[in-house]
Amino acid sequence: MDSESRDEADDVIVVGGGIAGLTTAVVLAESGRRVRVWAREPAERTTSAVAGGLWWPYRIEPEPLAGAWALTSLAVYEELAGRPGETGVRLVEGVHQGARLEGLGEWARRVPGLREVADGVAARLPLIDMPVHLAWLRERLTGAGGTVEERTVSDLAAVPAPVVVNCTGLGARSLVPDPAVRPVRGQLVVVANPGITTWYTSVGHSSADSTYFMPQPYGLLLGGTAEDDVWSPAPDPDTAAAIVARCAAVRPEIAGARVLAHRVGLRPARDAVRLERQPLPGGRVLVHNYGHGGAGVTVAWGCAREAAGLAGPAA
């Protein structure tokens, strides 16, 4: 095979430039594939950029598979935490209030240092500064020979590559189309950190309201909500005030913290992650990797490696 036809055979286009798309593209490029990412908008404007960034399998199914994907990602993040300024990944101590080990899946037994405390479970887990991490992923991709282009896709089958990887998140609802993908709206508030160095969550999986705070380099991130089938991207002032009040009930110093920003993200929820290979006309391949709900960051590397495997080896 000459070099020109080899380049064509190795061409992969990943559609979607959030955490799933960029991580999958990195894995493919570093395995020797020629990779392009087509993204509707820059990574800084995706749902991934709004994410709290705490590693934890939250609102994602099926749990056994999600646990395995999450553990693969955990090992990567633990290594990346050695270069926090570069990668945006740090290991930070915190507590999941109300959680118990017996209520967690098999994956929990393999999380280093995860232990029960009086009011929940505690651990030192990866906490990721998402804007920094997304920029680092993009640089790692270009370093491996990949490219990122702003392109809008209306038909996956018309994308001109031997291998197409669909990492469009909520966009898959109309693009595939897949009505099983639905939004779970999350609203957050960023405040000037009054000196809090640990993360905290108290999350009811059946409730639209939750309480969490996460210390990031840019401020203290407060949350949150999980509103099923709500599409509004606009922050609601009453919701923001309630978020601050819930967090201040746990740490009173939050009450007087200066508000820096309001954020809203629409999690791409699905009854089960779709990670599968689909044939396209002419012997081409479409790989789906979407529906990660509230755990896209948590499972990114595990799902990326499986998606890369489904794409097949370089020619």
Protein backbone atom coordinates (compact mmCIF):
# COMPACT_ATOMS: atom_id res chain seq x y z
CA MET A 1 0.00 0.00 0.00
CA ASP A 2 1.44 3.38 -0.98
CA SER A 3 1.60 6.22 1.52
CA GLU A 4 -1.33 8.12 -0.01
CA SER A 5 -3.77 5.20 0.15
CA ARG A 6 -2.50 4.28 3.59
CA ASP A 7 -3.27 7.81 4.83
CA GLU A 8 -6.78 7.52 3.44
CA ALA A 9 -7.33 4.10 5.02
CA ASP A 10 -6.15 5.36 8.39
CA ASP A 11 -8.35 8.45 8.33
CA VAL A 12 -10.73 8.79 11.29
CA ILE A 13 -13.11 11.67 11.86
CA VAL A 14 -14.38 12.06 15.43
CA VAL A 15 -17.57 14.10 15.53
CA GLY A 16 -17.83 16.04 18.81
CA GLY A 17 -15.21 18.05 20.67
CA GLY A 18 -16.11 17.58 24.33
CA ILE A 19 -14.35 15.29 26.79
CA ALA A 20 -15.48 12.09 25.02
CA GLY A 21 -14.51 13.29 21.56
CA LEU A 22 -11.11 14.71 22.46
CA THR A 23 -10.10 11.75 24.65
CA THR A 24 -11.18 9.25 21.98
CA ALA A 25 -9.28 11.20 19.34
CA VAL A 26 -6.13 11.18 21.50
CA VAL A 27 -6.30 7.41 21.98
CA LEU A 28 -6.81 6.86 18.25
CA ALA A 29 -4.05 9.26 17.20
CA GLU A 30 -1.56 7.77 19.63
CA SER A 31 -2.34 4.30 18.25
CA GLY A 32 -1.18 5.42 14.82
CA ARG A 33 -4.41 6.60 13.22
CA ARG A 34 -4.71 9.85 11.28
CA VAL A 35 -7.42 11.68 13.22
CA ARG A 36 -9.50 14.77 12.71
CA VAL A 37 -12.05 16.11 15.20
CA TRP A 38 -15.06 17.91 13.79
CA ALA A 39 -16.68 19.98 16.51
CA ARG A 40 -19.71 22.25 16.28
CA GLU A 41 -18.16 24.60 18.84
CA PRO A 42 -14.87 24.98 20.71
CA ALA A 43 -14.33 22.68 23.70
CA GLU A 44 -14.56 25.70 26.00
CA ARG A 45 -18.25 26.06 25.08
CA THR A 46 -19.24 22.41 25.48
CA THR A 47 -21.08 20.81 28.39
CA SER A 48 -17.74 19.25 29.37
CA ALA A 49 -16.30 22.69 30.15
CA VAL A 50 -19.10 23.33 32.66
CA ALA A 51 -18.67 20.01 34.48
CA GLY A 52 -17.63 20.00 38.13
CA GLY A 53 -14.83 17.63 37.20
CA LEU A 54 -14.90 15.24 40.17
CA TRP A 55 -14.14 11.61 39.27
CA TRP A 56 -17.16 9.54 40.39
CA PRO A 57 -19.58 7.26 38.48
CA TYR A 58 -22.67 9.51 38.76
CA ARG A 59 -25.90 9.13 36.81
CA ILE A 60 -24.55 6.63 34.30
CA GLU A 61 -25.71 3.16 33.26
CA PRO A 62 -25.07 0.26 33.03
CA GLU A 63 -23.19 0.36 36.34
CA PRO A 64 -20.96 -2.73 35.88
CA LEU A 65 -19.57 -1.44 32.57
CA ALA A 66 -19.43 2.13 33.84
CA GLY A 67 -17.44 0.97 36.85
CA ALA A 68 -14.84 -0.71 34.64
CA TRP A 69 -14.58 2.34 32.37
CA ALA A 70 -14.28 4.58 35.42
CA LEU A 71 -11.43 2.54 36.91
CA THR A 72 -9.51 2.70 33.62
CA SER A 73 -9.92 6.48 33.67
CA LEU A 74 -8.96 6.68 37.36
CA ALA A 75 -5.57 5.13 36.64
CA VAL A 76 -4.93 7.71 33.90
CA TYR A 77 -6.01 10.64 36.06
CA GLU A 78 -3.84 9.49 38.95
CA GLU A 79 -0.85 9.66 36.63
CA LEU A 80 -1.89 13.05 35.19
CA ALA A 81 -2.26 14.46 38.70
CA GLY A 82 1.53 14.51 38.89
CA ARG A 83 1.42 17.51 36.49
CA PRO A 84 -1.61 19.51 37.71
CA GLY A 85 -0.58 22.84 36.23
CA GLU A 86 -0.28 21.25 32.79
CA THR A 87 -3.14 18.72 32.81
CA GLY A 88 -5.64 20.38 35.17
CA VAL A 89 -5.86 17.18 37.24
CA ARG A 90 -5.32 17.16 41.02
CA LEU A 91 -5.99 14.56 43.72
CA VAL A 92 -8.21 16.14 46.39
CA GLU A 93 -9.69 14.76 49.61
CA GLY A 94 -13.43 14.91 50.20
CA VAL A 95 -16.62 13.24 51.41
CA HIS A 96 -19.71 11.85 49.70
CA GLN A 97 -22.21 12.55 52.50
CA GLY A 98 -24.86 9.87 52.92
CA ALA A 99 -23.12 7.24 50.77
CA ARG A 100 -22.15 3.82 52.14
CA LEU A 101 -19.71 1.30 50.68
CA GLU A 102 -22.34 -1.45 50.58
CA GLY A 103 -24.48 0.70 48.28
CA LEU A 104 -21.72 1.09 45.71
CA GLY A 105 -20.80 -1.25 42.87
CA GLU A 106 -17.89 -3.67 42.65
CA TRP A 107 -15.73 -0.88 41.24
CA ALA A 108 -15.64 0.81 44.66
CA ARG A 109 -13.46 -1.97 46.10
CA ARG A 110 -10.69 -0.96 43.72
CA VAL A 111 -10.65 2.76 44.52
CA PRO A 112 -7.52 3.43 46.61
CA GLY A 113 -8.28 4.83 50.04
CA LEU A 114 -12.08 4.80 49.68
CA ARG A 115 -13.40 4.36 53.21
CA GLU A 116 -16.47 4.85 55.36
CA VAL A 117 -16.57 7.81 57.71
CA ALA A 118 -19.25 8.89 60.16
CA ASP A 119 -21.43 10.67 57.61
CA GLY A 120 -20.57 8.93 54.34
CA VAL A 121 -17.58 7.72 52.35
CA ALA A 122 -14.31 9.62 51.95
CA ALA A 123 -11.48 9.41 49.46
CA ARG A 124 -8.77 11.36 47.71
CA LEU A 125 -10.08 11.52 44.16
CA PRO A 126 -9.21 13.25 40.89
CA LEU A 127 -10.69 16.73 40.66
CA ILE A 128 -10.27 18.19 37.21
CA ASP A 129 -10.13 21.83 36.12
CA MET A 130 -12.07 21.20 32.93
CA PRO A 131 -11.09 24.25 30.83
CA VAL A 132 -7.40 23.52 31.48
CA HIS A 133 -7.85 19.79 30.88
CA LEU A 134 -9.74 20.23 27.61
CA ALA A 135 -7.04 22.59 26.31
CA TRP A 136 -4.38 20.06 27.35
CA LEU A 137 -6.21 17.24 25.54
CA ARG A 138 -6.36 19.35 22.39
CA GLU A 139 -2.62 20.02 22.61
CA ARG A 140 -1.90 16.33 23.21
CA LEU A 141 -3.99 15.48 20.15
CA THR A 142 -2.17 17.94 17.90
CA GLY A 143 1.12 16.65 19.27
CA ALA A 144 0.09 13.19 18.03
CA GLY A 145 -0.69 14.58 14.59
CA GLY A 146 -4.43 15.12 15.00
CA THR A 147 -6.41 18.23 14.13
CA VAL A 148 -9.53 19.98 15.46
CA GLU A 149 -11.87 21.80 13.09
CA GLU A 150 -15.11 23.67 13.72
CA ARG A 151 -17.57 21.85 11.46
CA THR A 152 -21.29 21.22 11.79
CA VAL A 153 -22.43 17.72 10.85
CA SER A 154 -26.01 17.01 9.76
CA ASP A 155 -25.54 13.41 8.54
CA LEU A 156 -23.09 10.97 10.14
CA ALA A 157 -23.18 8.67 7.12
CA ALA A 158 -22.03 11.55 4.90
CA VAL A 159 -18.89 12.27 6.92
CA PRO A 160 -16.05 11.48 4.47
CA ALA A 161 -13.85 9.03 6.35
CA PRO A 162 -13.40 5.26 6.50
CA VAL A 163 -14.05 5.44 10.25
CA VAL A 164 -16.45 7.92 11.87
CA VAL A 165 -16.75 8.14 15.65
CA ASN A 166 -19.90 9.73 17.06
CA CYS A 167 -19.13 11.56 20.32
CA THR A 168 -21.87 14.16 19.99
CA GLY A 169 -23.44 13.75 23.43
CA LEU A 170 -26.85 15.39 23.54
CA GLY A 171 -26.49 16.21 19.85
CA ALA A 172 -26.99 12.50 19.09
CA ARG A 173 -30.68 12.96 19.90
CA SER A 174 -31.26 14.68 16.56
CA LEU A 175 -28.18 13.57 14.62
CA VAL A 176 -28.51 9.77 14.91
CA PRO A 177 -31.46 10.33 15.61
CA ASP A 178 -31.75 8.77 19.07
CA PRO A 179 -34.73 9.93 21.15
CA ALA A 180 -33.37 7.91 24.09
CA VAL A 181 -30.83 10.70 24.70
CA ARG A 182 -32.28 13.42 26.90
CA PRO A 183 -30.96 16.42 28.83
CA VAL A 184 -30.43 16.49 32.58
CA ARG A 185 -29.92 20.17 33.35
CA GLY A 186 -27.22 21.10 35.84
CA GLN A 187 -26.84 24.62 37.25
CA LEU A 188 -23.77 25.75 39.18
CA VAL A 189 -22.45 28.86 40.86
CA VAL A 190 -18.77 29.86 41.01
CA VAL A 191 -17.77 31.92 44.05
CA ALA A 192 -14.49 33.28 45.37
CA ASN A 193 -13.12 30.49 47.54
CA PRO A 194 -13.22 31.48 51.24
CA GLY A 195 -10.49 28.94 52.03
CA ILE A 196 -12.13 25.55 51.42
CA THR A 197 -9.65 22.88 50.30
CA THR A 198 -11.81 19.71 50.23
CA TRP A 199 -14.75 18.70 48.07
CA TYR A 200 -18.15 17.68 49.40
CA THR A 201 -21.24 16.09 47.84
CA SER A 202 -24.68 15.18 49.14
CA VAL A 203 -26.59 13.87 46.17
CA GLY A 204 -29.95 12.16 46.02
CA HIS A 205 -30.19 10.23 42.77
CA SER A 206 -33.99 10.64 42.74
CA SER A 207 -33.96 14.37 43.52
CA ALA A 208 -33.58 17.34 41.18
CA ASP A 209 -31.60 19.19 43.87
CA SER A 210 -28.19 18.31 45.29
CA THR A 211 -25.51 19.95 47.39
CA TYR A 212 -21.86 19.95 46.46
CA PHE A 213 -18.81 22.17 46.38
CA MET A 214 -15.48 21.65 44.68
CA PRO A 215 -12.37 23.82 45.09
CA GLN A 216 -10.98 24.68 41.67
CA PRO A 217 -8.07 27.00 40.85
CA TYR A 218 -10.52 29.55 39.42
CA GLY A 219 -12.85 29.53 42.47
CA LEU A 220 -15.17 27.35 44.51
CA LEU A 221 -17.72 25.56 42.34
CA LEU A 222 -21.14 25.17 44.00
CA GLY A 223 -23.95 22.90 42.90
CA GLY A 224 -26.31 21.86 41.92
CA THR A 225 -29.33 20.53 40.07
CA ALA A 226 -30.26 17.47 38.01
CA GLU A 227 -33.42 18.45 36.17
CA ASP A 228 -34.63 15.77 33.77
CA ASP A 229 -35.74 16.84 30.28
CA VAL A 230 -35.11 20.54 30.92
CA TRP A 231 -33.46 22.30 27.99
CA SER A 232 -32.97 25.85 29.27
CA PRO A 233 -29.33 27.00 29.15
CA ALA A 234 -30.07 30.19 31.10
CA PRO A 235 -29.14 30.35 34.81
CA ASP A 236 -32.13 30.85 37.10
CA PRO A 237 -31.50 33.39 39.89
CA ASP A 238 -33.75 31.63 42.42
CA THR A 239 -32.04 28.30 41.72
CA ALA A 240 -28.64 29.96 42.15
CA ALA A 241 -29.65 31.44 45.51
CA ALA A 242 -30.92 28.04 46.68
CA ILE A 243 -27.64 26.40 45.65
CA VAL A 244 -25.60 28.92 47.66
CA ALA A 245 -27.91 28.48 50.66
CA ARG A 246 -27.62 24.67 50.62
CA CYS A 247 -23.82 24.83 50.41
CA ALA A 248 -23.65 27.49 53.16
CA ALA A 249 -25.67 25.21 55.44
CA VAL A 250 -22.69 22.80 55.24
CA ARG A 251 -19.93 25.43 55.29
CA PRO A 252 -21.23 28.78 56.65
CA GLU A 253 -18.31 30.76 55.20
CA ILE A 254 -19.75 30.18 51.72
CA ALA A 255 -22.72 32.46 52.52
CA GLY A 256 -20.69 35.64 52.15
CA ALA A 257 -18.52 34.54 49.25
CA ARG A 258 -18.49 36.80 46.20
CA VAL A 259 -20.25 35.29 43.19
CA LEU A 260 -17.94 35.09 40.17
CA ALA A 261 -20.06 33.27 37.59
CA HIS A 262 -23.17 31.22 36.88
CA ARG A 263 -23.03 28.11 34.72
CA VAL A 264 -25.51 25.71 33.16
CA GLY A 265 -24.75 22.40 31.45
CA LEU A 266 -27.07 19.83 29.88
CA ARG A 267 -25.87 16.32 30.73
CA PRO A 268 -26.44 13.84 27.86
CA ALA A 269 -28.39 11.16 29.74
CA ARG A 270 -29.43 7.79 28.35
CA ASP A 271 -30.72 4.59 29.96
CA ALA A 272 -27.39 3.04 28.91
CA VAL A 273 -24.25 4.42 27.31
CA ARG A 274 -24.18 3.64 23.60
CA LEU A 275 -20.76 2.27 22.76
CA GLU A 276 -21.01 0.12 19.65
CA ARG A 277 -19.90 -0.35 16.05
CA GLN A 278 -22.28 0.15 13.13
CA PRO A 279 -21.49 -0.58 9.47
CA LEU A 280 -21.81 2.21 6.90
CA PRO A 281 -22.16 1.87 3.11
CA GLY A 282 -18.98 1.05 1.21
CA GLY A 283 -17.38 -0.92 4.01
CA ARG A 284 -16.97 2.13 6.24
CA VAL A 285 -17.50 2.05 10.01
CA LEU A 286 -19.46 4.24 12.43
CA VAL A 287 -18.59 3.92 16.14
CA HIS A 288 -21.00 5.41 18.68
CA ASN A 289 -19.65 6.69 22.00
CA TYR A 290 -22.30 8.82 23.72
CA GLY A 291 -24.91 8.91 26.48
CA HIS A 292 -22.51 9.27 29.43
CA GLY A 293 -24.92 11.30 31.58
CA GLY A 294 -23.24 12.93 34.55
CA ALA A 295 -20.06 10.86 34.31
CA GLY A 296 -18.45 11.75 30.99
CA VAL A 297 -15.24 12.88 32.66
CA THR A 298 -15.24 9.83 34.93
CA VAL A 299 -15.44 7.26 32.12
CA ALA A 300 -13.68 9.21 29.35
CA TRP A 301 -10.51 7.11 29.02
CA GLY A 302 -12.21 3.75 29.50
CA CYS A 303 -14.81 4.52 26.84
CA ALA A 304 -12.19 6.04 24.53
CA ARG A 305 -10.10 2.89 24.58
CA GLU A 306 -13.13 0.70 23.90
CA ALA A 307 -14.26 2.99 21.08
CA ALA A 308 -10.77 2.87 19.58
CA GLY A 309 -10.91 -0.91 19.69
CA LEU A 310 -14.26 -0.89 17.91
CA ALA A 311 -12.77 1.36 15.22
CA GLY A 312 -10.37 -1.44 14.34
CA PRO A 313 -6.60 -1.41 13.83
CA ALA A 314 -4.76 1.01 11.60
CA ALA A 315 -4.42 -0.33 8.06
